Amino acid sequence: KKKRCCDLEDNAESGLEKIILVGNPNVGKSVIFNHFS
């Protein structure tokens, strides 16, 4: 993944519908995030 650091408020609204991953640590959220993004 290409990543960069910034402040969230600097990221303009994409206008896209959001899919938000929630859950305990160490349950594989990041793997699913990498799959979808």
PDB file of all heavy atoms in Angstrom:
ATOM      1  N   LYS A   1       0.828  -1.208   0.000  1.00  0.00           N
ATOM      2  CA  LYS A   1       0.000   0.000   0.000  1.00  0.00           C
ATOM      3  C   LYS A   1       0.855   1.248   0.000  1.00  0.00           C
ATOM      4  O   LYS A   1       1.809   1.344   0.753  1.00  0.00           O
ATOM      5  CB  LYS A   1      -0.894   0.022   1.240  1.00  0.00           C
ATOM      6  CG  LYS A   1      -1.780  -1.211   1.372  1.00  0.00           C
ATOM      7  CD  LYS A   1      -2.797  -1.261   0.285  1.00  0.00           C
ATOM      8  CE  LYS A   1      -3.573  -2.568   0.344  1.00  0.00           C
ATOM      9  NZ  LYS A   1      -4.459  -2.721  -0.785  1.00  0.00           N
ATOM     10  N   LYS A   2       0.499   2.202  -0.821  1.00  0.00           N
ATOM     11  CA  LYS A   2       1.147   3.508  -0.757  1.00  0.00           C
ATOM     12  C   LYS A   2       0.498   4.289   0.358  1.00  0.00           C
ATOM     13  O   LYS A   2      -0.709   4.468   0.375  1.00  0.00           O
ATOM     14  CB  LYS A   2       0.969   4.261  -2.074  1.00  0.00           C
ATOM     15  CG  LYS A   2       1.645   3.581  -3.256  1.00  0.00           C
ATOM     16  CD  LYS A   2       1.407   4.365  -4.521  1.00  0.00           C
ATOM     17  CE  LYS A   2       2.044   3.684  -5.722  1.00  0.00           C
ATOM     18  NZ  LYS A   2       1.784   4.394  -6.977  1.00  0.00           N
ATOM     19  N   LYS A   3       1.308   4.782   1.295  1.00  0.00           N
ATOM     20  CA  LYS A   3       0.753   5.479   2.452  1.00  0.00           C
ATOM     21  C   LYS A   3       1.411   6.829   2.611  1.00  0.00           C
ATOM     22  O   LYS A   3       2.553   7.019   2.268  1.00  0.00           O
ATOM     23  CB  LYS A   3       0.936   4.648   3.736  1.00  0.00           C
ATOM     24  CG  LYS A   3       0.176   3.328   3.693  1.00  0.00           C
ATOM     25  CD  LYS A   3       0.358   2.584   4.986  1.00  0.00           C
ATOM     26  CE  LYS A   3      -0.325   1.238   4.941  1.00  0.00           C
ATOM     27  NZ  LYS A   3      -1.740   1.322   5.164  1.00  0.00           N
ATOM     28  N   ARG A   4       0.688   7.754   3.188  1.00  0.00           N
ATOM     29  CA  ARG A   4       1.257   9.032   3.557  1.00  0.00           C
ATOM     30  C   ARG A   4       0.604   9.489   4.844  1.00  0.00           C
ATOM     31  O   ARG A   4      -0.418   8.963   5.259  1.00  0.00           O
ATOM     32  CB  ARG A   4       1.052  10.078   2.456  1.00  0.00           C
ATOM     33  CG  ARG A   4      -0.392  10.494   2.241  1.00  0.00           C
ATOM     34  CD  ARG A   4      -0.486  11.509   1.120  1.00  0.00           C
ATOM     35  NE  ARG A   4      -1.845  11.858   0.825  1.00  0.00           N
ATOM     36  CZ  ARG A   4      -2.517  12.822   1.431  1.00  0.00           C
ATOM     37  NH1 ARG A   4      -1.945  13.505   2.379  1.00  0.00           N
ATOM     38  NH2 ARG A   4      -3.752  13.098   1.083  1.00  0.00           N
ATOM     39  N   CYS A   5       1.217  10.458   5.506  1.00  0.00           N
ATOM     40  CA  CYS A   5       0.678  10.946   6.784  1.00  0.00           C
ATOM     41  C   CYS A   5       0.094  12.332   6.587  1.00  0.00           C
ATOM     42  O   CYS A   5       0.652  13.171   5.890  1.00  0.00           O
ATOM     43  CB  CYS A   5       1.772  10.998   7.844  1.00  0.00           C
ATOM     44  SG  CYS A   5       2.358   9.357   8.284  1.00  0.00           S
ATOM     45  N   CYS A   6      -0.997  12.573   7.207  1.00  0.00           N
ATOM     46  CA  CYS A   6      -1.618  13.891   7.118  1.00  0.00           C
ATOM     47  C   CYS A   6      -2.634  13.999   8.234  1.00  0.00           C
ATOM     48  O   CYS A   6      -2.890  13.070   8.957  1.00  0.00           O
ATOM     49  CB  CYS A   6      -2.296  14.091   5.765  1.00  0.00           C
ATOM     50  SG  CYS A   6      -3.696  13.002   5.504  1.00  0.00           S
ATOM     51  N   ASP A   7      -3.257  15.155   8.363  1.00  0.00           N
ATOM     52  CA  ASP A   7      -4.341  15.323   9.324  1.00  0.00           C
ATOM     53  C   ASP A   7      -5.643  14.964   8.640  1.00  0.00           C
ATOM     54  O   ASP A   7      -5.873  15.289   7.474  1.00  0.00           O
ATOM     55  CB  ASP A   7      -4.409  16.777   9.819  1.00  0.00           C
ATOM     56  CG  ASP A   7      -3.248  17.080  10.732  1.00  0.00           C
ATOM     57  OD1 ASP A   7      -2.790  16.138  11.405  1.00  0.00           O
ATOM     58  OD2 ASP A   7      -2.808  18.247  10.757  1.00  0.00           O
ATOM     59  N   LEU A   8      -6.514  14.301   9.381  1.00  0.00           N
ATOM     60  CA  LEU A   8      -7.761  13.843   8.800  1.00  0.00           C
ATOM     61  C   LEU A   8      -8.587  15.001   8.281  1.00  0.00           C
ATOM     62  O   LEU A   8      -9.233  14.891   7.242  1.00  0.00           O
ATOM     63  CB  LEU A   8      -8.539  13.045   9.843  1.00  0.00           C
ATOM     64  CG  LEU A   8      -9.670  12.157   9.325  1.00  0.00           C
ATOM     65  CD1 LEU A   8      -9.126  11.071   8.427  1.00  0.00           C
ATOM     66  CD2 LEU A   8     -10.444  11.545  10.483  1.00  0.00           C
ATOM     67  N   GLU A   9      -8.524  16.120   8.975  1.00  0.00           N
ATOM     68  CA  GLU A   9      -9.347  17.240   8.522  1.00  0.00           C
ATOM     69  C   GLU A   9      -8.846  17.828   7.203  1.00  0.00           C
ATOM     70  O   GLU A   9      -9.587  18.518   6.508  1.00  0.00           O
ATOM     71  CB  GLU A   9      -9.400  18.334   9.593  1.00  0.00           C
ATOM     72  CG  GLU A   9      -8.044  18.938   9.942  1.00  0.00           C
ATOM     73  CD  GLU A   9      -7.606  18.523  11.333  1.00  0.00           C
ATOM     74  OE1 GLU A   9      -8.072  17.468  11.781  1.00  0.00           O
ATOM     75  OE2 GLU A   9      -6.835  19.258  11.952  1.00  0.00           O
ATOM     76  N   ASP A  10      -7.578  17.520   6.843  1.00  0.00           N
ATOM     77  CA  ASP A  10      -7.044  18.031   5.586  1.00  0.00           C
ATOM     78  C   ASP A  10      -7.520  17.203   4.397  1.00  0.00           C
ATOM     79  O   ASP A  10      -7.353  17.591   3.250  1.00  0.00           O
ATOM     80  CB  ASP A  10      -5.512  18.038   5.623  1.00  0.00           C
ATOM     81  CG  ASP A  10      -4.988  19.041   6.620  1.00  0.00           C
ATOM     82  OD1 ASP A  10      -5.728  19.985   6.923  1.00  0.00           O
ATOM     83  OD2 ASP A  10      -3.849  18.877   7.095  1.00  0.00           O
ATOM     84  N   ASN A  11      -8.060  16.017   4.681  1.00  0.00           N
ATOM     85  CA  ASN A  11      -8.509  15.144   3.612  1.00  0.00           C
ATOM     86  C   ASN A  11      -9.913  15.567   3.172  1.00  0.00           C
ATOM     87  O   ASN A  11     -10.873  15.478   3.908  1.00  0.00           O
ATOM     88  CB  ASN A  11      -8.519  13.694   4.114  1.00  0.00           C
ATOM     89  CG  ASN A  11      -8.922  12.726   3.026  1.00  0.00           C
ATOM     90  OD1 ASN A  11      -8.527  12.897   1.882  1.00  0.00           O
ATOM     91  ND2 ASN A  11      -9.704  11.722   3.388  1.00  0.00           N
ATOM     92  N   ALA A  12     -10.007  16.050   1.966  1.00  0.00           N
ATOM     93  CA  ALA A  12     -11.290  16.531   1.470  1.00  0.00           C
ATOM     94  C   ALA A  12     -12.301  15.393   1.440  1.00  0.00           C
ATOM     95  O   ALA A  12     -11.965  14.236   1.215  1.00  0.00           O
ATOM     96  CB  ALA A  12     -11.105  17.121   0.066  1.00  0.00           C
ATOM     97  N   GLU A  13     -13.563  15.727   1.678  1.00  0.00           N
ATOM     98  CA  GLU A  13     -14.612  14.727   1.652  1.00  0.00           C
ATOM     99  C   GLU A  13     -14.666  14.088   0.277  1.00  0.00           C
ATOM    100  O   GLU A  13     -14.710  14.759  -0.754  1.00  0.00           O
ATOM    101  CB  GLU A  13     -15.958  15.390   1.974  1.00  0.00           C
ATOM    102  CG  GLU A  13     -16.134  15.744   3.435  1.00  0.00           C
ATOM    103  CD  GLU A  13     -16.183  14.507   4.312  1.00  0.00           C
ATOM    104  OE1 GLU A  13     -16.671  13.462   3.854  1.00  0.00           O
ATOM    105  OE2 GLU A  13     -15.722  14.587   5.457  1.00  0.00           O
ATOM    106  N   SER A  14     -14.645  12.760   0.267  1.00  0.00           N
ATOM    107  CA  SER A  14     -14.603  12.051  -1.009  1.00  0.00           C
ATOM    108  C   SER A  14     -15.971  11.995  -1.669  1.00  0.00           C
ATOM    109  O   SER A  14     -16.065  11.788  -2.876  1.00  0.00           O
ATOM    110  CB  SER A  14     -14.093  10.623  -0.772  1.00  0.00           C
ATOM    111  OG  SER A  14     -14.974   9.930   0.082  1.00  0.00           O
ATOM    112  N   GLY A  15     -17.043  12.160  -0.884  1.00  0.00           N
ATOM    113  CA  GLY A  15     -18.375  12.034  -1.455  1.00  0.00           C
ATOM    114  C   GLY A  15     -18.799  10.592  -1.626  1.00  0.00           C
ATOM    115  O   GLY A  15     -19.898  10.323  -2.113  1.00  0.00           O
ATOM    116  N   LEU A  16     -17.937   9.654  -1.238  1.00  0.00           N
ATOM    117  CA  LEU A  16     -18.236   8.233  -1.378  1.00  0.00           C
ATOM    118  C   LEU A  16     -18.899   7.711  -0.114  1.00  0.00           C
ATOM    119  O   LEU A  16     -18.676   8.225   0.982  1.00  0.00           O
ATOM    120  CB  LEU A  16     -16.947   7.443  -1.631  1.00  0.00           C
ATOM    121  CG  LEU A  16     -16.150   7.798  -2.885  1.00  0.00           C
ATOM    122  CD1 LEU A  16     -14.836   7.032  -2.910  1.00  0.00           C
ATOM    123  CD2 LEU A  16     -16.962   7.495  -4.134  1.00  0.00           C
ATOM    124  N   GLU A  17     -19.704   6.678  -0.266  1.00  0.00           N
ATOM    125  CA  GLU A  17     -20.260   6.007   0.903  1.00  0.00           C
ATOM    126  C   GLU A  17     -19.138   5.273   1.631  1.00  0.00           C
ATOM    127  O   GLU A  17     -18.209   4.755   1.006  1.00  0.00           O
ATOM    128  CB  GLU A  17     -21.362   5.037   0.484  1.00  0.00           C
ATOM    129  CG  GLU A  17     -22.617   5.745   0.008  1.00  0.00           C
ATOM    130  CD  GLU A  17     -23.765   4.776  -0.217  1.00  0.00           C
ATOM    131  OE1 GLU A  17     -23.613   3.879  -1.069  1.00  0.00           O
ATOM    132  OE2 GLU A  17     -24.802   4.915   0.454  1.00  0.00           O
ATOM    133  N   LYS A  18     -19.246   5.221   2.954  1.00  0.00           N
ATOM    134  CA  LYS A  18     -18.158   4.689   3.771  1.00  0.00           C
ATOM    135  C   LYS A  18     -18.463   3.271   4.250  1.00  0.00           C
ATOM    136  O   LYS A  18     -19.609   2.941   4.571  1.00  0.00           O
ATOM    137  CB  LYS A  18     -17.912   5.589   4.988  1.00  0.00           C
ATOM    138  CG  LYS A  18     -17.446   6.995   4.663  1.00  0.00           C
ATOM    139  CD  LYS A  18     -17.272   7.805   5.946  1.00  0.00           C
ATOM    140  CE  LYS A  18     -16.714   9.192   5.662  1.00  0.00           C
ATOM    141  NZ  LYS A  18     -17.618  10.001   4.847  1.00  0.00           N
ATOM    142  N   ILE A  19     -17.402   2.478   4.322  1.00  0.00           N
ATOM    143  CA  ILE A  19     -17.434   1.184   4.995  1.00  0.00           C
ATOM    144  C   ILE A  19     -16.422   1.274   6.130  1.00  0.00           C
ATOM    145  O   ILE A  19     -15.231   1.493   5.893  1.00  0.00           O
ATOM    146  CB  ILE A  19     -17.068   0.029   4.040  1.00  0.00           C
ATOM    147  CG1 ILE A  19     -18.106  -0.081   2.925  1.00  0.00           C
ATOM    148  CG2 ILE A  19     -16.944  -1.291   4.806  1.00  0.00           C
ATOM    149  CD1 ILE A  19     -17.743  -1.098   1.853  1.00  0.00           C
ATOM    150  N   ILE A  20     -16.889   1.149   7.367  1.00  0.00           N
ATOM    151  CA  ILE A  20     -16.023   1.327   8.532  1.00  0.00           C
ATOM    152  C   ILE A  20     -15.831  -0.010   9.241  1.00  0.00           C
ATOM    153  O   ILE A  20     -16.800  -0.689   9.589  1.00  0.00           O
ATOM    154  CB  ILE A  20     -16.615   2.363   9.513  1.00  0.00           C
ATOM    155  CG1 ILE A  20     -16.770   3.725   8.807  1.00  0.00           C
ATOM    156  CG2 ILE A  20     -15.745   2.508  10.747  1.00  0.00           C
ATOM    157  CD1 ILE A  20     -17.360   4.817   9.681  1.00  0.00           C
ATOM    158  N   LEU A  21     -14.567  -0.376   9.440  1.00  0.00           N
ATOM    159  CA  LEU A  21     -14.238  -1.605  10.149  1.00  0.00           C
ATOM    160  C   LEU A  21     -14.050  -1.315  11.628  1.00  0.00           C
ATOM    161  O   LEU A  21     -13.310  -0.388  11.988  1.00  0.00           O
ATOM    162  CB  LEU A  21     -12.957  -2.241   9.590  1.00  0.00           C
ATOM    163  CG  LEU A  21     -13.073  -2.917   8.222  1.00  0.00           C
ATOM    164  CD1 LEU A  21     -12.852  -1.891   7.109  1.00  0.00           C
ATOM    165  CD2 LEU A  21     -12.068  -4.043   8.075  1.00  0.00           C
ATOM    166  N   VAL A  22     -14.711  -2.082  12.478  1.00  0.00           N
ATOM    167  CA  VAL A  22     -14.574  -1.942  13.928  1.00  0.00           C
ATOM    168  C   VAL A  22     -14.319  -3.319  14.526  1.00  0.00           C
ATOM    169  O   VAL A  22     -14.608  -4.345  13.907  1.00  0.00           O
ATOM    170  CB  VAL A  22     -15.834  -1.314  14.577  1.00  0.00           C
ATOM    171  CG1 VAL A  22     -16.053   0.099  14.103  1.00  0.00           C
ATOM    172  CG2 VAL A  22     -17.066  -2.164  14.296  1.00  0.00           C
ATOM    173  N   GLY A  23     -13.791  -3.329  15.742  1.00  0.00           N
ATOM    174  CA  GLY A  23     -13.568  -4.601  16.417  1.00  0.00           C
ATOM    175  C   GLY A  23     -12.381  -4.548  17.347  1.00  0.00           C
ATOM    176  O   GLY A  23     -11.646  -3.558  17.399  1.00  0.00           O
ATOM    177  N   ASN A  24     -12.187  -5.636  18.092  1.00  0.00           N
ATOM    178  CA  ASN A  24     -11.063  -5.752  19.011  1.00  0.00           C
ATOM    179  C   ASN A  24      -9.739  -5.711  18.268  1.00  0.00           C
ATOM    180  O   ASN A  24      -9.697  -5.961  17.057  1.00  0.00           O
ATOM    181  CB  ASN A  24     -11.144  -7.082  19.778  1.00  0.00           C
ATOM    182  CG  ASN A  24     -12.300  -7.121  20.756  1.00  0.00           C
ATOM    183  OD1 ASN A  24     -13.272  -6.396  20.613  1.00  0.00           O
ATOM    184  ND2 ASN A  24     -12.206  -7.974  21.740  1.00  0.00           N
ATOM    185  N   PRO A  25      -8.636  -5.428  18.958  1.00  0.00           N
ATOM    186  CA  PRO A  25      -7.322  -5.576  18.318  1.00  0.00           C
ATOM    187  C   PRO A  25      -7.062  -7.050  17.978  1.00  0.00           C
ATOM    188  O   PRO A  25      -7.625  -7.960  18.586  1.00  0.00           O
ATOM    189  CB  PRO A  25      -6.352  -5.092  19.409  1.00  0.00           C
ATOM    190  CG  PRO A  25      -7.181  -4.319  20.374  1.00  0.00           C
ATOM    191  CD  PRO A  25      -8.543  -4.926  20.346  1.00  0.00           C
ATOM    192  N   ASN A  26      -6.214  -7.272  17.002  1.00  0.00           N
ATOM    193  CA  ASN A  26      -5.741  -8.612  16.631  1.00  0.00           C
ATOM    194  C   ASN A  26      -6.854  -9.560  16.185  1.00  0.00           C
ATOM    195  O   ASN A  26      -6.847 -10.744  16.514  1.00  0.00           O
ATOM    196  CB  ASN A  26      -4.974  -9.251  17.804  1.00  0.00           C
ATOM    197  CG  ASN A  26      -3.791  -8.427  18.250  1.00  0.00           C
ATOM    198  OD1 ASN A  26      -2.964  -8.039  17.445  1.00  0.00           O
ATOM    199  ND2 ASN A  26      -3.717  -8.148  19.552  1.00  0.00           N
ATOM    200  N   VAL A  27      -7.814  -9.040  15.437  1.00  0.00           N
ATOM    201  CA  VAL A  27      -8.861  -9.911  14.903  1.00  0.00           C
ATOM    202  C   VAL A  27      -8.833  -9.957  13.375  1.00  0.00           C
ATOM    203  O   VAL A  27      -9.687 -10.599  12.763  1.00  0.00           O
ATOM    204  CB  VAL A  27     -10.264  -9.461  15.380  1.00  0.00           C
ATOM    205  CG1 VAL A  27     -10.404  -9.633  16.875  1.00  0.00           C
ATOM    206  CG2 VAL A  27     -10.560  -8.028  14.960  1.00  0.00           C
ATOM    207  N   GLY A  28      -7.860  -9.279  12.749  1.00  0.00           N
ATOM    208  CA  GLY A  28      -7.721  -9.332  11.297  1.00  0.00           C
ATOM    209  C   GLY A  28      -8.360  -8.186  10.552  1.00  0.00           C
ATOM    210  O   GLY A  28      -8.567  -8.268   9.335  1.00  0.00           O
ATOM    211  N   LYS A  29      -8.684  -7.069  11.252  1.00  0.00           N
ATOM    212  CA  LYS A  29      -9.293  -5.922  10.570  1.00  0.00           C
ATOM    213  C   LYS A  29      -8.382  -5.375   9.472  1.00  0.00           C
ATOM    214  O   LYS A  29      -8.838  -5.030   8.384  1.00  0.00           O
ATOM    215  CB  LYS A  29      -9.606  -4.800  11.570  1.00  0.00           C
ATOM    216  CG  LYS A  29     -10.748  -5.093  12.507  1.00  0.00           C
ATOM    217  CD  LYS A  29     -11.212  -3.862  13.265  1.00  0.00           C
ATOM    218  CE  LYS A  29     -10.202  -3.407  14.291  1.00  0.00           C
ATOM    219  NZ  LYS A  29      -9.307  -2.363  13.906  1.00  0.00           N
ATOM    220  N   SER A  30      -7.089  -5.280   9.776  1.00  0.00           N
ATOM    221  CA  SER A  30      -6.152  -4.687   8.817  1.00  0.00           C
ATOM    222  C   SER A  30      -6.032  -5.525   7.555  1.00  0.00           C
ATOM    223  O   SER A  30      -5.874  -4.986   6.450  1.00  0.00           O
ATOM    224  CB  SER A  30      -4.772  -4.518   9.465  1.00  0.00           C
ATOM    225  OG  SER A  30      -4.833  -3.618  10.539  1.00  0.00           O
ATOM    226  N   VAL A  31      -6.113  -6.846   7.690  1.00  0.00           N
ATOM    227  CA  VAL A  31      -6.040  -7.724   6.519  1.00  0.00           C
ATOM    228  C   VAL A  31      -7.253  -7.490   5.622  1.00  0.00           C
ATOM    229  O   VAL A  31      -7.131  -7.399   4.396  1.00  0.00           O
ATOM    230  CB  VAL A  31      -5.959  -9.205   6.949  1.00  0.00           C
ATOM    231  CG1 VAL A  31      -5.947 -10.116   5.721  1.00  0.00           C
ATOM    232  CG2 VAL A  31      -4.723  -9.451   7.794  1.00  0.00           C
ATOM    233  N   ILE A  32      -8.428  -7.376   6.233  1.00  0.00           N
ATOM    234  CA  ILE A  32      -9.644  -7.109   5.457  1.00  0.00           C
ATOM    235  C   ILE A  32      -9.590  -5.719   4.840  1.00  0.00           C
ATOM    236  O   ILE A  32      -9.995  -5.518   3.688  1.00  0.00           O
ATOM    237  CB  ILE A  32     -10.888  -7.282   6.358  1.00  0.00           C
ATOM    238  CG1 ILE A  32     -11.010  -8.744   6.789  1.00  0.00           C
ATOM    239  CG2 ILE A  32     -12.151  -6.821   5.639  1.00  0.00           C
ATOM    240  CD1 ILE A  32     -12.131  -9.019   7.771  1.00  0.00           C
ATOM    241  N   PHE A  33      -9.061  -4.742   5.602  1.00  0.00           N
ATOM    242  CA  PHE A  33      -8.900  -3.389   5.059  1.00  0.00           C
ATOM    243  C   PHE A  33      -7.994  -3.416   3.830  1.00  0.00           C
ATOM    244  O   PHE A  33      -8.305  -2.816   2.793  1.00  0.00           O
ATOM    245  CB  PHE A  33      -8.299  -2.470   6.123  1.00  0.00           C
ATOM    246  CG  PHE A  33      -7.892  -1.115   5.613  1.00  0.00           C
ATOM    247  CD1 PHE A  33      -8.830  -0.119   5.436  1.00  0.00           C
ATOM    248  CD2 PHE A  33      -6.572  -0.845   5.287  1.00  0.00           C
ATOM    249  CE1 PHE A  33      -8.458   1.137   4.953  1.00  0.00           C
ATOM    250  CE2 PHE A  33      -6.192   0.395   4.804  1.00  0.00           C
ATOM    251  CZ  PHE A  33      -7.142   1.387   4.640  1.00  0.00           C
ATOM    252  N   ASN A  34      -6.864  -4.119   3.918  1.00  0.00           N
ATOM    253  CA  ASN A  34      -5.940  -4.202   2.788  1.00  0.00           C
ATOM    254  C   ASN A  34      -6.570  -4.908   1.592  1.00  0.00           C
ATOM    255  O   ASN A  34      -6.252  -4.601   0.441  1.00  0.00           O
ATOM    256  CB  ASN A  34      -4.668  -4.941   3.204  1.00  0.00           C
ATOM    257  CG  ASN A  34      -3.785  -4.112   4.110  1.00  0.00           C
ATOM    258  OD1 ASN A  34      -3.791  -2.893   4.048  1.00  0.00           O
ATOM    259  ND2 ASN A  34      -3.041  -4.771   4.982  1.00  0.00           N
ATOM    260  N   HIS A  35      -7.457  -5.853   1.870  1.00  0.00           N
ATOM    261  CA  HIS A  35      -8.132  -6.562   0.780  1.00  0.00           C
ATOM    262  C   HIS A  35      -9.079  -5.644   0.016  1.00  0.00           C
ATOM    263  O   HIS A  35      -9.127  -5.663  -1.219  1.00  0.00           O
ATOM    264  CB  HIS A  35      -8.903  -7.757   1.343  1.00  0.00           C
ATOM    265  CG  HIS A  35      -9.781  -8.445   0.335  1.00  0.00           C
ATOM    266  ND1 HIS A  35      -9.285  -9.324  -0.603  1.00  0.00           N
ATOM    267  CD2 HIS A  35     -11.131  -8.359   0.106  1.00  0.00           C
ATOM    268  CE1 HIS A  35     -10.280  -9.770  -1.362  1.00  0.00           C
ATOM    269  NE2 HIS A  35     -11.412  -9.185  -0.947  1.00  0.00           N
ATOM    270  N   PHE A  36      -9.813  -4.832   0.753  1.00  0.00           N
ATOM    271  CA  PHE A  36     -10.827  -4.002   0.119  1.00  0.00           C
ATOM    272  C   PHE A  36     -10.284  -2.695  -0.448  1.00  0.00           C
ATOM    273  O   PHE A  36     -10.778  -2.204  -1.455  1.00  0.00           O
ATOM    274  CB  PHE A  36     -11.955  -3.687   1.105  1.00  0.00           C
ATOM    275  CG  PHE A  36     -12.907  -4.820   1.324  1.00  0.00           C
ATOM    276  CD1 PHE A  36     -13.201  -5.263   2.601  1.00  0.00           C
ATOM    277  CD2 PHE A  36     -13.504  -5.452   0.253  1.00  0.00           C
ATOM    278  CE1 PHE A  36     -14.078  -6.313   2.809  1.00  0.00           C
ATOM    279  CE2 PHE A  36     -14.386  -6.506   0.442  1.00  0.00           C
ATOM    280  CZ  PHE A  36     -14.672  -6.950   1.731  1.00  0.00           C
ATOM    281  N   SER A  37      -9.297  -2.090   0.211  1.00  0.00           N
ATOM    282  CA  SER A  37      -8.821  -0.780  -0.233  1.00  0.00           C
ATOM    283  C   SER A  37      -7.856  -0.942  -1.397  1.00  0.00           C
ATOM    284  O   SER A  37      -7.168  -1.951  -1.522  1.00  0.00           O
ATOM    285  CB  SER A  37      -8.145  -0.024   0.917  1.00  0.00           C
ATOM    286  OG  SER A  37      -7.039  -0.747   1.391  1.00  0.00           O
TER     287      SER A  37
END
